[in-house]
Amino acid sequence: MKEYKVVPCQGKVVANNDIEASKQIAALANVIVQETVGGWQLVSTMPVLVSNSKKSVGSTEHPYNALIFARDILDD
C-alpha cells in the first residue's frame, strides 16, 4: 500500500536573465530533493491556478504546481 502527499510549488519563474533563471530552476529542484527524504518519490505534477474569487472579473490568479509524492507504507 502507498501513502501520498501533495506539496505546492511555484508555477512561475520570474528572472531578468538566463543566469537568474537557472538559479530559480535549481531552487525548484532543491524542493524536490528535500521532499524525497524519508523514502518519498515524485510521481506526478499537476498545474493549479489559485484565485481569490470564483468570479473571473476582478479576481487575482496565481499559478502553482502540485508536486505529488508517494512512498510505500511498511506493514508491521
Protein backbone atom coordinates (compact mmCIF):
# COMPACT_ATOMS: atom_id res chain seq x y z
CA MET A 1 0.00 0.00 0.00
CA LYS A 2 1.15 3.55 -0.65
CA GLU A 3 0.63 6.87 1.05
CA TYR A 4 0.68 10.17 -0.78
CA LYS A 5 1.46 13.80 -0.05
CA VAL A 6 0.95 16.91 -2.15
CA VAL A 7 3.43 19.78 -1.94
CA PRO A 8 2.68 23.17 -3.51
CA CYS A 9 5.39 24.66 -5.67
CA GLN A 10 5.53 27.92 -7.58
CA GLY A 11 4.28 27.71 -11.13
CA LYS A 12 6.04 30.76 -12.49
CA VAL A 13 9.70 31.76 -12.52
CA VAL A 14 10.50 35.46 -12.80
CA ALA A 15 14.04 36.24 -13.93
CA ASN A 16 15.81 39.09 -15.66
CA ASN A 17 18.40 36.92 -17.41
CA ASP A 18 19.45 33.31 -18.11
CA ILE A 19 21.70 33.08 -15.05
CA GLU A 20 18.93 34.17 -12.72
CA ALA A 21 16.50 31.78 -14.43
CA SER A 22 18.95 28.90 -13.92
CA LYS A 23 19.23 29.72 -10.23
CA GLN A 24 15.44 29.84 -9.84
CA ILE A 25 15.03 26.49 -11.59
CA ALA A 26 17.77 24.95 -9.44
CA ALA A 27 15.83 26.12 -6.37
CA LEU A 28 12.81 24.20 -7.66
CA ALA A 29 14.97 21.10 -7.99
CA ASN A 30 16.04 21.55 -4.37
CA VAL A 31 12.38 21.43 -3.28
CA ILE A 32 12.08 18.00 -4.89
CA VAL A 33 15.32 16.78 -3.30
CA GLN A 34 14.21 17.94 0.16
CA GLU A 35 10.81 16.27 -0.18
CA THR A 36 12.33 12.89 -1.11
CA VAL A 37 13.74 12.46 2.41
CA GLY A 38 12.06 9.54 4.12
CA GLY A 39 11.51 7.46 1.03
CA TRP A 40 9.11 9.78 -0.81
CA GLN A 41 9.25 9.65 -4.62
CA LEU A 42 7.92 12.27 -7.00
CA VAL A 43 5.23 10.54 -9.06
CA SER A 44 3.43 13.41 -10.77
CA THR A 45 2.91 17.13 -11.06
CA MET A 46 -0.33 18.97 -11.65
CA PRO A 47 -0.80 22.65 -12.51
CA VAL A 48 -3.13 24.51 -10.15
CA LEU A 49 -4.40 28.04 -10.66
CA VAL A 50 -5.22 29.72 -7.33
CA SER A 51 -7.77 32.52 -7.47
CA ASN A 52 -9.06 34.87 -4.79
CA SER A 53 -12.61 34.78 -6.18
CA LYS A 54 -14.98 32.45 -8.01
CA LYS A 55 -15.80 35.30 -10.40
CA SER A 56 -13.32 35.97 -13.19
CA VAL A 57 -13.90 39.74 -13.20
CA GLY A 58 -11.51 41.46 -10.81
CA SER A 59 -10.02 38.26 -9.43
CA THR A 60 -6.32 37.69 -8.97
CA GLU A 61 -4.85 34.39 -10.12
CA HIS A 62 -1.50 32.80 -9.24
CA PRO A 63 -0.07 29.70 -10.94
CA TYR A 64 1.22 26.85 -8.76
CA ASN A 65 2.19 23.26 -9.30
CA ALA A 66 1.11 20.44 -7.04
CA LEU A 67 4.02 18.03 -6.64
CA ILE A 68 2.64 14.59 -5.81
CA PHE A 69 4.88 12.24 -3.85
CA ALA A 70 4.30 8.62 -2.83
CA ARG A 71 6.01 6.07 -0.63
CA ASP A 72 5.32 2.52 0.43
CA ILE A 73 3.68 2.01 3.81
CA LEU A 74 5.56 -0.62 5.77
CA ASP A 75 3.34 -3.31 7.27
CA ASP A 76 4.03 -4.06 10.92
